[in-house]
């Protein structure tokens, strides 16, 4: 499941974008949960005070209070893995977000032309992240998405797989050999 935030102060546009995203994810058989915010302060407060971990956030650049660019900067200090997509009527603002790791930029005046292309590109990236890989645990193989794995740990020659929700310990013993700067398992 992908967690998506939309930070947009125009309620009609926000609902149109939310509907487009839901429809595209449904067509691609990807689960998503979408949270809507009307200000930068509101989304920052939610991130700081809840357990929600956003995968993608769509930002309007021009928001009341903290603008979308400053909001994204503050959020990226907390979590630099979030995919940012900016939306605006202010085409010249694209240059102000280049220092952030943004996925794309949607111009509101070309929204209906650009949204499908950008969502298709986003889905392609997410499908890669959603692909499942087998890991032997106990007498079975569990299938995990690379996206869900936070890190792998080698402890007493066993691999511990740390995911967002659970830790799994492999029952196989591994040996690691470092030879000429290459690791062999």
Protein backbone atom coordinates (compact mmCIF):
# COMPACT_ATOMS: atom_id res chain seq x y z
CA UNK A 1 0.00 0.00 0.00
CA UNK A 2 1.30 3.41 -0.98
CA UNK A 3 0.57 6.39 1.23
CA UNK A 4 -0.03 9.60 -0.68
CA UNK A 5 -0.46 13.14 0.57
CA UNK A 6 -1.99 16.02 -1.34
CA UNK A 7 -1.31 19.51 -0.04
CA UNK A 8 -3.55 21.89 -1.99
CA UNK A 9 -5.64 24.85 -0.80
CA UNK A 10 -8.09 24.77 -3.74
CA UNK A 11 -10.64 22.16 -2.62
CA UNK A 12 -12.10 21.57 -6.11
CA UNK A 13 -8.67 21.01 -7.64
CA UNK A 14 -7.63 18.82 -4.70
CA UNK A 15 -10.67 16.57 -5.18
CA UNK A 16 -10.06 16.34 -8.94
CA UNK A 17 -6.43 15.35 -8.36
CA UNK A 18 -7.41 12.84 -5.66
CA UNK A 19 -9.95 11.23 -8.02
CA UNK A 20 -7.39 11.01 -10.85
CA UNK A 21 -4.82 9.36 -8.55
CA UNK A 22 -7.33 6.88 -7.12
CA UNK A 23 -8.55 5.92 -10.59
CA UNK A 24 -5.02 5.42 -11.97
CA UNK A 25 -3.88 3.34 -8.98
CA UNK A 26 -7.04 1.22 -9.20
CA UNK A 27 -6.46 0.65 -12.94
CA UNK A 28 -2.90 -0.48 -12.19
CA UNK A 29 -4.01 -2.72 -9.31
CA UNK A 30 -1.98 -0.76 -6.76
CA UNK A 31 -3.35 0.02 -3.31
CA UNK A 32 -3.10 3.54 -2.04
CA UNK A 33 -4.35 5.62 0.84
CA UNK A 34 -4.67 9.34 0.19
CA UNK A 35 -4.58 12.05 2.85
CA UNK A 36 -5.60 15.61 1.98
CA UNK A 37 -4.22 18.78 3.53
CA UNK A 38 -5.04 22.42 2.89
CA UNK A 39 -1.83 23.99 4.22
CA UNK A 40 1.85 23.28 4.70
CA UNK A 41 1.51 23.66 8.45
CA UNK A 42 -1.23 21.02 8.51
CA UNK A 43 0.80 18.34 6.69
CA UNK A 44 3.95 19.05 8.74
CA UNK A 45 1.93 18.74 11.96
CA UNK A 46 0.47 15.42 10.74
CA UNK A 47 3.92 14.04 9.91
CA UNK A 48 5.33 15.08 13.28
CA UNK A 49 2.39 13.85 15.36
CA UNK A 50 1.36 10.59 13.67
CA UNK A 51 2.84 7.34 12.45
CA UNK A 52 1.94 8.04 8.83
CA UNK A 53 4.90 7.59 6.50
CA UNK A 54 4.20 9.20 3.15
CA UNK A 55 5.58 7.69 -0.02
CA UNK A 56 4.44 10.50 -2.32
CA UNK A 57 3.30 14.06 -1.68
CA UNK A 58 1.72 16.35 -4.25
CA UNK A 59 2.24 20.03 -3.35
CA UNK A 60 0.69 23.20 -4.63
CA UNK A 61 3.55 25.67 -4.56
CA UNK A 62 1.38 28.66 -3.64
CA UNK A 63 -0.26 27.93 -0.29
CA UNK A 64 -1.42 30.25 2.46
CA UNK A 65 1.16 30.38 5.23
CA UNK A 66 4.20 28.25 4.49
CA UNK A 67 4.37 27.73 0.72
CA UNK A 68 4.72 24.29 -0.85
CA UNK A 69 8.45 24.65 -1.50
CA UNK A 70 9.28 25.50 2.11
CA UNK A 71 6.93 22.77 3.31
CA UNK A 72 8.72 20.22 1.11
CA UNK A 73 12.11 21.39 2.41
CA UNK A 74 11.01 20.91 6.01
CA UNK A 75 9.52 17.49 5.25
CA UNK A 76 12.63 16.34 3.35
CA UNK A 77 14.68 17.11 6.48
CA UNK A 78 12.47 14.62 8.32
CA UNK A 79 12.31 11.99 5.55
CA UNK A 80 14.31 12.28 2.35
CA UNK A 81 12.76 9.20 0.73
CA UNK A 82 9.41 10.83 -0.06
CA UNK A 83 8.63 11.42 -3.73
CA UNK A 84 7.62 15.07 -4.30
CA UNK A 85 5.46 16.27 -7.17
CA UNK A 86 4.73 19.99 -7.43
CA UNK A 87 1.65 21.55 -8.98
CA UNK A 88 1.27 25.26 -9.75
CA UNK A 89 0.10 28.01 -12.04
CA UNK A 90 3.45 29.70 -11.43
CA UNK A 91 5.60 28.12 -14.16
CA UNK A 92 8.68 30.15 -13.22
CA UNK A 93 8.73 28.53 -9.75
CA UNK A 94 10.03 25.27 -11.23
CA UNK A 95 13.56 26.60 -10.83
CA UNK A 96 13.08 27.15 -7.09
CA UNK A 97 12.43 23.44 -6.46
CA UNK A 98 15.41 22.06 -8.36
CA UNK A 99 17.47 21.77 -5.17
CA UNK A 100 14.90 19.31 -3.83
CA UNK A 101 14.70 15.77 -5.12
CA UNK A 102 11.45 16.17 -6.99
CA UNK A 103 9.86 13.58 -9.19
CA UNK A 104 7.97 15.96 -11.43
CA UNK A 105 6.27 19.30 -11.88
CA UNK A 106 2.67 19.68 -13.09
CA UNK A 107 1.52 22.99 -14.55
CA UNK A 108 -2.09 23.60 -13.59
CA UNK A 109 -2.84 25.26 -16.91
CA UNK A 110 -1.83 21.97 -18.61
CA UNK A 111 -3.12 19.68 -15.86
CA UNK A 112 -5.37 17.56 -18.10
CA UNK A 113 -2.57 17.10 -20.66
CA UNK A 114 0.17 16.31 -18.14
CA UNK A 115 -1.45 14.38 -15.31
CA UNK A 116 -1.85 11.04 -17.13
CA UNK A 117 1.73 11.07 -18.41
CA UNK A 118 3.10 11.94 -14.97
CA UNK A 119 0.95 9.37 -13.16
CA UNK A 120 2.03 6.70 -15.68
CA UNK A 121 5.66 7.58 -15.03
CA UNK A 122 5.05 7.50 -11.27
CA UNK A 123 3.28 4.11 -11.52
CA UNK A 124 6.25 2.68 -13.47
CA UNK A 125 8.58 3.69 -10.65
CA UNK A 126 6.21 2.40 -7.98
CA UNK A 127 5.64 -0.95 -9.73
CA UNK A 128 9.38 -1.53 -9.55
CA UNK A 129 9.23 -0.74 -5.85
CA UNK A 130 6.19 -3.01 -5.41
CA UNK A 131 7.77 -6.08 -7.07
CA UNK A 132 8.06 -8.96 -4.59
CA UNK A 133 11.15 -11.10 -3.95
CA UNK A 134 11.35 -14.44 -2.09
CA UNK A 135 13.28 -14.80 1.16
CA UNK A 136 13.64 -18.16 2.99
CA UNK A 137 12.34 -17.92 6.56
CA UNK A 138 11.71 -21.10 8.54
CA UNK A 139 10.31 -23.80 6.27
CA UNK A 140 8.67 -21.34 3.89
CA UNK A 141 9.55 -18.53 1.58
CA UNK A 142 8.12 -15.15 2.35
CA UNK A 143 7.70 -12.63 -0.43
CA UNK A 144 8.66 -9.06 0.33
CA UNK A 145 8.67 -5.87 -1.68
CA UNK A 146 12.03 -4.13 -1.81
CA UNK A 147 10.03 -1.05 -0.97
CA UNK A 148 9.00 -2.54 2.40
CA UNK A 149 12.53 -3.59 3.42
CA UNK A 150 14.22 -0.98 5.55
CA UNK A 151 17.55 -2.82 5.85
CA UNK A 152 19.18 -6.24 6.10
CA UNK A 153 21.31 -7.15 9.10
CA UNK A 154 23.80 -9.98 9.40
CA UNK A 155 23.92 -11.29 12.97
CA UNK A 156 25.69 -14.54 13.92
CA UNK A 157 25.78 -15.54 10.25
CA UNK A 158 21.99 -15.20 9.95
CA UNK A 159 20.22 -12.53 7.93
CA UNK A 160 17.63 -10.45 9.72
CA UNK A 161 15.27 -8.65 7.36
CA UNK A 162 13.90 -5.45 8.88
CA UNK A 163 10.68 -4.28 7.23
CA UNK A 164 8.33 -1.44 7.99
CA UNK A 165 6.13 -3.70 10.14
CA UNK A 166 8.05 -6.87 11.10
CA UNK A 167 11.52 -8.38 11.39
CA UNK A 168 12.22 -11.79 9.81
CA UNK A 169 15.18 -14.03 10.60
CA UNK A 170 16.45 -16.43 7.97
CA UNK A 171 17.15 -19.98 9.12
CA UNK A 172 20.04 -20.27 6.67
CA UNK A 173 23.59 -19.57 7.74
CA UNK A 174 25.56 -17.22 5.58
CA UNK A 175 29.24 -16.56 5.35
CA UNK A 176 30.62 -13.36 3.99
CA UNK A 177 34.03 -13.12 2.42
CA UNK A 178 35.59 -9.81 1.56
CA UNK A 179 38.05 -10.20 -1.30
CA UNK A 180 39.50 -7.29 -3.29
CA UNK A 181 36.70 -4.96 -2.17
CA UNK A 182 33.97 -7.37 -3.27
CA UNK A 183 31.60 -9.10 -0.88
CA UNK A 184 30.76 -12.75 -1.48
CA UNK A 185 27.91 -14.47 0.37
